[in-house]
């Protein structure tokens, strides 16, 4: 599935948030974010697709990360190479499982940690999936609102961020519709790219 940017908004001068209908494994950005589990065992969902398309090197590097640093958490992501993906890096975050408690806070932490690590690495472009909305069961509309709030708050707090483009890459129609609705509610406009 080719990438299709349909909505974008400037979240701070020089930094654009884009909603993209597509496959995150095809995103031509500096880094993509993987919605992972704490042990970085990439079996299914976005994580499985990333390893299938990026190669086993991503799983090997993930295993080495966990051996050295322990499991990841919402506020402490991991990073690996992008393998054979078009991105240089994969930033692995663990989002909340719906029903475990404090889901909104944990999702905000995961998004903020991914952005902070991208800035630490001096990256200019980043792509995120709809973290926790798959098998973790986070309601799509709510996740979209939390994700957008976390992005807006991050760039308000870090106006010197070097990120120029943040893509939210959405694969399926129900997720796309939920994020478009939340986007329209947040920014009260529908600029077509």
C-alpha atoms as a PDB file:
ATOM      1  CA  UNK A   1       0.000   0.000   0.000  1.00  0.00           C
ATOM      2  CA  UNK A   2       1.550   3.290  -1.085  1.00  0.00           C
ATOM      3  CA  UNK A   3       1.645   6.197   1.310  1.00  0.00           C
ATOM      4  CA  UNK A   4      -1.087   8.786   0.889  1.00  0.00           C
ATOM      5  CA  UNK A   5      -0.815  12.017   2.906  1.00  0.00           C
ATOM      6  CA  UNK A   6      -4.267  13.506   3.229  1.00  0.00           C
ATOM      7  CA  UNK A   7      -4.118  15.845   6.216  1.00  0.00           C
ATOM      8  CA  UNK A   8      -1.375  17.981   7.650  1.00  0.00           C
ATOM      9  CA  UNK A   9      -1.040  20.751  10.175  1.00  0.00           C
ATOM     10  CA  UNK A  10       1.930  22.812  11.335  1.00  0.00           C
ATOM     11  CA  UNK A  11       2.211  21.957  15.040  1.00  0.00           C
ATOM     12  CA  UNK A  12       5.004  24.477  15.566  1.00  0.00           C
ATOM     13  CA  UNK A  13       6.845  26.671  13.096  1.00  0.00           C
ATOM     14  CA  UNK A  14       8.690  24.320  10.749  1.00  0.00           C
ATOM     15  CA  UNK A  15       7.201  21.079  12.114  1.00  0.00           C
ATOM     16  CA  UNK A  16       4.356  19.335  10.313  1.00  0.00           C
ATOM     17  CA  UNK A  17       2.072  16.609  11.595  1.00  0.00           C
ATOM     18  CA  UNK A  18       0.688  14.483   8.778  1.00  0.00           C
ATOM     19  CA  UNK A  19      -1.990  11.815   8.739  1.00  0.00           C
ATOM     20  CA  UNK A  20      -0.927   9.182   6.238  1.00  0.00           C
ATOM     21  CA  UNK A  21      -2.970   6.274   4.926  1.00  0.00           C
ATOM     22  CA  UNK A  22      -0.423   3.553   4.272  1.00  0.00           C
ATOM     23  CA  UNK A  23       2.007   0.932   5.515  1.00  0.00           C
ATOM     24  CA  UNK A  24       4.496   2.136   8.132  1.00  0.00           C
ATOM     25  CA  UNK A  25       7.106  -0.348   6.888  1.00  0.00           C
ATOM     26  CA  UNK A  26       7.251   1.678   3.659  1.00  0.00           C
ATOM     27  CA  UNK A  27       7.607   5.080   5.350  1.00  0.00           C
ATOM     28  CA  UNK A  28      10.624   6.972   4.020  1.00  0.00           C
ATOM     29  CA  UNK A  29      11.558   8.720   7.261  1.00  0.00           C
ATOM     30  CA  UNK A  30      14.550   8.743   9.586  1.00  0.00           C
ATOM     31  CA  UNK A  31      12.812   6.430  12.072  1.00  0.00           C
ATOM     32  CA  UNK A  32       9.570   4.572  12.504  1.00  0.00           C
ATOM     33  CA  UNK A  33       7.978   3.759  15.826  1.00  0.00           C
ATOM     34  CA  UNK A  34       7.122   0.158  16.589  1.00  0.00           C
ATOM     35  CA  UNK A  35       4.281  -0.643  18.959  1.00  0.00           C
ATOM     36  CA  UNK A  36       6.083  -3.410  20.834  1.00  0.00           C
ATOM     37  CA  UNK A  37       5.720  -5.533  23.933  1.00  0.00           C
ATOM     38  CA  UNK A  38       8.051  -5.004  26.890  1.00  0.00           C
ATOM     39  CA  UNK A  39      10.290  -7.959  25.943  1.00  0.00           C
ATOM     40  CA  UNK A  40      10.586  -6.848  22.284  1.00  0.00           C
ATOM     41  CA  UNK A  41       9.304 -10.184  20.965  1.00  0.00           C
ATOM     42  CA  UNK A  42       8.049  -9.100  17.554  1.00  0.00           C
ATOM     43  CA  UNK A  43       5.503 -11.743  16.619  1.00  0.00           C
ATOM     44  CA  UNK A  44       2.357 -10.115  15.278  1.00  0.00           C
ATOM     45  CA  UNK A  45       0.732  -6.838  14.349  1.00  0.00           C
ATOM     46  CA  UNK A  46       2.928  -3.869  13.461  1.00  0.00           C
ATOM     47  CA  UNK A  47       5.934  -5.435  15.220  1.00  0.00           C
ATOM     48  CA  UNK A  48       5.678  -8.647  13.211  1.00  0.00           C
ATOM     49  CA  UNK A  49       5.343  -6.741   9.941  1.00  0.00           C
ATOM     50  CA  UNK A  50       8.414  -4.652  10.767  1.00  0.00           C
ATOM     51  CA  UNK A  51      10.576  -7.739  11.341  1.00  0.00           C
ATOM     52  CA  UNK A  52       9.178  -9.576   8.297  1.00  0.00           C
ATOM     53  CA  UNK A  53       9.952  -6.635   6.023  1.00  0.00           C
ATOM     54  CA  UNK A  54      13.046  -5.289   7.794  1.00  0.00           C
ATOM     55  CA  UNK A  55      14.734  -8.619   8.419  1.00  0.00           C
ATOM     56  CA  UNK A  56      15.759 -10.740  11.392  1.00  0.00           C
ATOM     57  CA  UNK A  57      18.466  -8.221  12.286  1.00  0.00           C
ATOM     58  CA  UNK A  58      15.753  -6.140  13.987  1.00  0.00           C
ATOM     59  CA  UNK A  59      14.781  -9.052  16.242  1.00  0.00           C
ATOM     60  CA  UNK A  60      18.449  -9.858  16.991  1.00  0.00           C
ATOM     61  CA  UNK A  61      19.151  -6.230  17.923  1.00  0.00           C
ATOM     62  CA  UNK A  62      15.964  -6.166  20.031  1.00  0.00           C
ATOM     63  CA  UNK A  63      17.044  -9.299  21.903  1.00  0.00           C
ATOM     64  CA  UNK A  64      20.465  -7.745  22.545  1.00  0.00           C
ATOM     65  CA  UNK A  65      18.805  -4.542  23.817  1.00  0.00           C
ATOM     66  CA  UNK A  66      16.688  -6.446  26.344  1.00  0.00           C
ATOM     67  CA  UNK A  67      19.716  -8.472  27.516  1.00  0.00           C
ATOM     68  CA  UNK A  68      21.670  -5.239  28.122  1.00  0.00           C
ATOM     69  CA  UNK A  69      18.929  -2.906  29.399  1.00  0.00           C
ATOM     70  CA  UNK A  70      15.995  -5.067  30.454  1.00  0.00           C
ATOM     71  CA  UNK A  71      12.390  -4.777  29.278  1.00  0.00           C
ATOM     72  CA  UNK A  72      11.162  -1.491  27.855  1.00  0.00           C
ATOM     73  CA  UNK A  73       8.397   0.581  29.428  1.00  0.00           C
ATOM     74  CA  UNK A  74       6.189   3.420  28.176  1.00  0.00           C
ATOM     75  CA  UNK A  75       8.709   6.017  29.325  1.00  0.00           C
ATOM     76  CA  UNK A  76      11.811   4.030  28.283  1.00  0.00           C
ATOM     77  CA  UNK A  77      11.878   2.983  24.597  1.00  0.00           C
ATOM     78  CA  UNK A  78      14.506   0.956  22.768  1.00  0.00           C
ATOM     79  CA  UNK A  79      16.162   1.597  19.422  1.00  0.00           C
ATOM     80  CA  UNK A  80      17.424  -0.711  16.697  1.00  0.00           C
ATOM     81  CA  UNK A  81      18.499  -0.263  13.115  1.00  0.00           C
ATOM     82  CA  UNK A  82      15.870  -0.301  10.402  1.00  0.00           C
ATOM     83  CA  UNK A  83      17.341  -3.410   8.792  1.00  0.00           C
ATOM     84  CA  UNK A  84      16.252  -3.429   5.151  1.00  0.00           C
ATOM     85  CA  UNK A  85      13.402  -0.945   5.764  1.00  0.00           C
ATOM     86  CA  UNK A  86      13.679   2.495   4.129  1.00  0.00           C
ATOM     87  CA  UNK A  87      14.171   4.107   7.582  1.00  0.00           C
ATOM     88  CA  UNK A  88      17.485   4.281   9.463  1.00  0.00           C
ATOM     89  CA  UNK A  89      16.067   3.348  12.873  1.00  0.00           C
ATOM     90  CA  UNK A  90      13.153   1.671  14.616  1.00  0.00           C
ATOM     91  CA  UNK A  91      12.151   3.183  17.949  1.00  0.00           C
ATOM     92  CA  UNK A  92      10.354   0.512  19.982  1.00  0.00           C
ATOM     93  CA  UNK A  93       7.759   1.717  22.495  1.00  0.00           C
ATOM     94  CA  UNK A  94       5.398  -0.268  24.656  1.00  0.00           C
ATOM     95  CA  UNK A  95       1.908   1.118  24.791  1.00  0.00           C
ATOM     96  CA  UNK A  96      -0.743   0.281  27.361  1.00  0.00           C
ATOM     97  CA  UNK A  97      -3.063  -2.703  27.293  1.00  0.00           C
ATOM     98  CA  UNK A  98      -6.640  -1.494  27.602  1.00  0.00           C
ATOM     99  CA  UNK A  99      -7.954  -2.291  31.085  1.00  0.00           C
ATOM    100  CA  UNK A 100      -4.601  -2.329  32.913  1.00  0.00           C
ATOM    101  CA  UNK A 101      -5.109   1.155  34.343  1.00  0.00           C
ATOM    102  CA  UNK A 102      -3.693   4.604  33.607  1.00  0.00           C
ATOM    103  CA  UNK A 103      -3.886   3.880  29.864  1.00  0.00           C
ATOM    104  CA  UNK A 104      -4.009   7.533  28.773  1.00  0.00           C
ATOM    105  CA  UNK A 105      -0.933   8.399  30.848  1.00  0.00           C
ATOM    106  CA  UNK A 106       1.023   5.410  29.547  1.00  0.00           C
ATOM    107  CA  UNK A 107       0.162   6.186  25.923  1.00  0.00           C
ATOM    108  CA  UNK A 108       1.253   9.810  26.404  1.00  0.00           C
ATOM    109  CA  UNK A 109       4.508   8.582  27.955  1.00  0.00           C
ATOM    110  CA  UNK A 110       5.177   6.246  25.019  1.00  0.00           C
ATOM    111  CA  UNK A 111       4.573   8.977  22.423  1.00  0.00           C
ATOM    112  CA  UNK A 112       6.616  11.558  24.350  1.00  0.00           C
ATOM    113  CA  UNK A 113       9.490   9.101  24.851  1.00  0.00           C
ATOM    114  CA  UNK A 114       9.584   8.309  21.114  1.00  0.00           C
ATOM    115  CA  UNK A 115       9.693  12.009  20.224  1.00  0.00           C
ATOM    116  CA  UNK A 116      12.391  12.703  22.827  1.00  0.00           C
ATOM    117  CA  UNK A 117      14.561   9.846  21.545  1.00  0.00           C
ATOM    118  CA  UNK A 118      14.134  11.095  17.967  1.00  0.00           C
ATOM    119  CA  UNK A 119      15.320  14.525  19.104  1.00  0.00           C
ATOM    120  CA  UNK A 120      18.202  12.996  21.063  1.00  0.00           C
ATOM    121  CA  UNK A 121      19.322  11.339  17.798  1.00  0.00           C
ATOM    122  CA  UNK A 122      18.849  14.623  15.853  1.00  0.00           C
ATOM    123  CA  UNK A 123      16.275  13.040  13.541  1.00  0.00           C
ATOM    124  CA  UNK A 124      14.182  15.193  11.228  1.00  0.00           C
ATOM    125  CA  UNK A 125      11.353  12.792  10.395  1.00  0.00           C
ATOM    126  CA  UNK A 126       9.442  10.173  12.365  1.00  0.00           C
ATOM    127  CA  UNK A 127       6.463   7.916  11.633  1.00  0.00           C
ATOM    128  CA  UNK A 128       4.182   6.466  14.316  1.00  0.00           C
ATOM    129  CA  UNK A 129       1.420   3.864  14.092  1.00  0.00           C
ATOM    130  CA  UNK A 130      -1.815   3.924  16.086  1.00  0.00           C
ATOM    131  CA  UNK A 131      -0.068   2.630  19.222  1.00  0.00           C
ATOM    132  CA  UNK A 132      -2.062   0.139  21.355  1.00  0.00           C
ATOM    133  CA  UNK A 133      -5.180   0.178  19.140  1.00  0.00           C
ATOM    134  CA  UNK A 134      -4.676  -3.345  17.776  1.00  0.00           C
ATOM    135  CA  UNK A 135      -4.487  -6.407  20.002  1.00  0.00           C
ATOM    136  CA  UNK A 136      -3.964  -4.163  23.073  1.00  0.00           C
ATOM    137  CA  UNK A 137      -7.542  -2.953  22.614  1.00  0.00           C
ATOM    138  CA  UNK A 138      -7.140   0.802  23.237  1.00  0.00           C
ATOM    139  CA  UNK A 139     -10.235   2.482  21.720  1.00  0.00           C
ATOM    140  CA  UNK A 140      -9.160   4.089  18.450  1.00  0.00           C
ATOM    141  CA  UNK A 141     -10.913   7.459  18.929  1.00  0.00           C
ATOM    142  CA  UNK A 142      -9.535   7.873  22.430  1.00  0.00           C
ATOM    143  CA  UNK A 143      -6.021   6.807  21.374  1.00  0.00           C
ATOM    144  CA  UNK A 144      -6.095   9.361  18.562  1.00  0.00           C
ATOM    145  CA  UNK A 145      -7.052  12.175  20.958  1.00  0.00           C
ATOM    146  CA  UNK A 146      -4.341  11.180  23.452  1.00  0.00           C
ATOM    147  CA  UNK A 147      -1.717  10.848  20.722  1.00  0.00           C
ATOM    148  CA  UNK A 148      -2.537  14.266  19.239  1.00  0.00           C
ATOM    149  CA  UNK A 149      -2.505  15.892  22.691  1.00  0.00           C
ATOM    150  CA  UNK A 150       0.877  14.308  23.469  1.00  0.00           C
ATOM    151  CA  UNK A 151       2.324  15.576  20.173  1.00  0.00           C
ATOM    152  CA  UNK A 152       0.979  19.103  20.634  1.00  0.00           C
ATOM    153  CA  UNK A 153       2.187  19.249  24.249  1.00  0.00           C
ATOM    154  CA  UNK A 154       5.644  17.949  23.304  1.00  0.00           C
ATOM    155  CA  UNK A 155       6.217  20.589  20.645  1.00  0.00           C
ATOM    156  CA  UNK A 156       4.858  23.331  22.922  1.00  0.00           C
ATOM    157  CA  UNK A 157       7.332  22.214  25.610  1.00  0.00           C
ATOM    158  CA  UNK A 158      10.267  21.737  23.203  1.00  0.00           C
ATOM    159  CA  UNK A 159      10.058  24.509  20.609  1.00  0.00           C
ATOM    160  CA  UNK A 160      13.670  23.823  19.590  1.00  0.00           C
ATOM    161  CA  UNK A 161      12.867  20.249  18.521  1.00  0.00           C
ATOM    162  CA  UNK A 162      14.614  19.406  15.264  1.00  0.00           C
ATOM    163  CA  UNK A 163      11.790  17.227  14.019  1.00  0.00           C
ATOM    164  CA  UNK A 164      10.343  18.629  10.804  1.00  0.00           C
ATOM    165  CA  UNK A 165       7.812  15.923   9.951  1.00  0.00           C
ATOM    166  CA  UNK A 166       5.854  13.548  12.162  1.00  0.00           C
ATOM    167  CA  UNK A 167       3.679  11.108  10.238  1.00  0.00           C
ATOM    168  CA  UNK A 168       0.856   9.151  11.842  1.00  0.00           C
ATOM    169  CA  UNK A 169       0.654   6.156   9.502  1.00  0.00           C
ATOM    170  CA  UNK A 170      -2.693   4.371   9.568  1.00  0.00           C
ATOM    171  CA  UNK A 171      -3.232   1.085   7.776  1.00  0.00           C
ATOM    172  CA  UNK A 172      -6.899   0.107   8.030  1.00  0.00           C
ATOM    173  CA  UNK A 173     -10.092   2.047   7.331  1.00  0.00           C
ATOM    174  CA  UNK A 174     -11.608   2.010  10.873  1.00  0.00           C
ATOM    175  CA  UNK A 175      -8.381   3.381  12.363  1.00  0.00           C
ATOM    176  CA  UNK A 176      -8.079   5.958   9.589  1.00  0.00           C
ATOM    177  CA  UNK A 177     -11.637   7.182  10.207  1.00  0.00           C
ATOM    178  CA  UNK A 178     -11.107   7.420  13.971  1.00  0.00           C
ATOM    179  CA  UNK A 179      -7.921   9.453  13.570  1.00  0.00           C
ATOM    180  CA  UNK A 180      -9.432  11.741  10.926  1.00  0.00           C
ATOM    181  CA  UNK A 181     -12.376  12.445  13.244  1.00  0.00           C
ATOM    182  CA  UNK A 182     -10.032  13.228  16.139  1.00  0.00           C
ATOM    183  CA  UNK A 183      -7.830  15.357  13.878  1.00  0.00           C
ATOM    184  CA  UNK A 184     -10.810  17.411  12.720  1.00  0.00           C
ATOM    185  CA  UNK A 185     -12.017  17.866  16.308  1.00  0.00           C
ATOM    186  CA  UNK A 186      -8.536  18.910  17.516  1.00  0.00           C
ATOM    187  CA  UNK A 187      -7.622  21.352  14.764  1.00  0.00           C
ATOM    188  CA  UNK A 188     -11.141  22.406  13.687  1.00  0.00           C
ATOM    189  CA  UNK A 189     -10.110  22.307  10.072  1.00  0.00           C
ATOM    190  CA  UNK A 190      -9.546  19.790   7.322  1.00  0.00           C
ATOM    191  CA  UNK A 191      -6.616  20.972   5.204  1.00  0.00           C
ATOM    192  CA  UNK A 192      -6.073  18.491   2.419  1.00  0.00           C
ATOM    193  CA  UNK A 193      -2.401  17.992   1.586  1.00  0.00           C
END
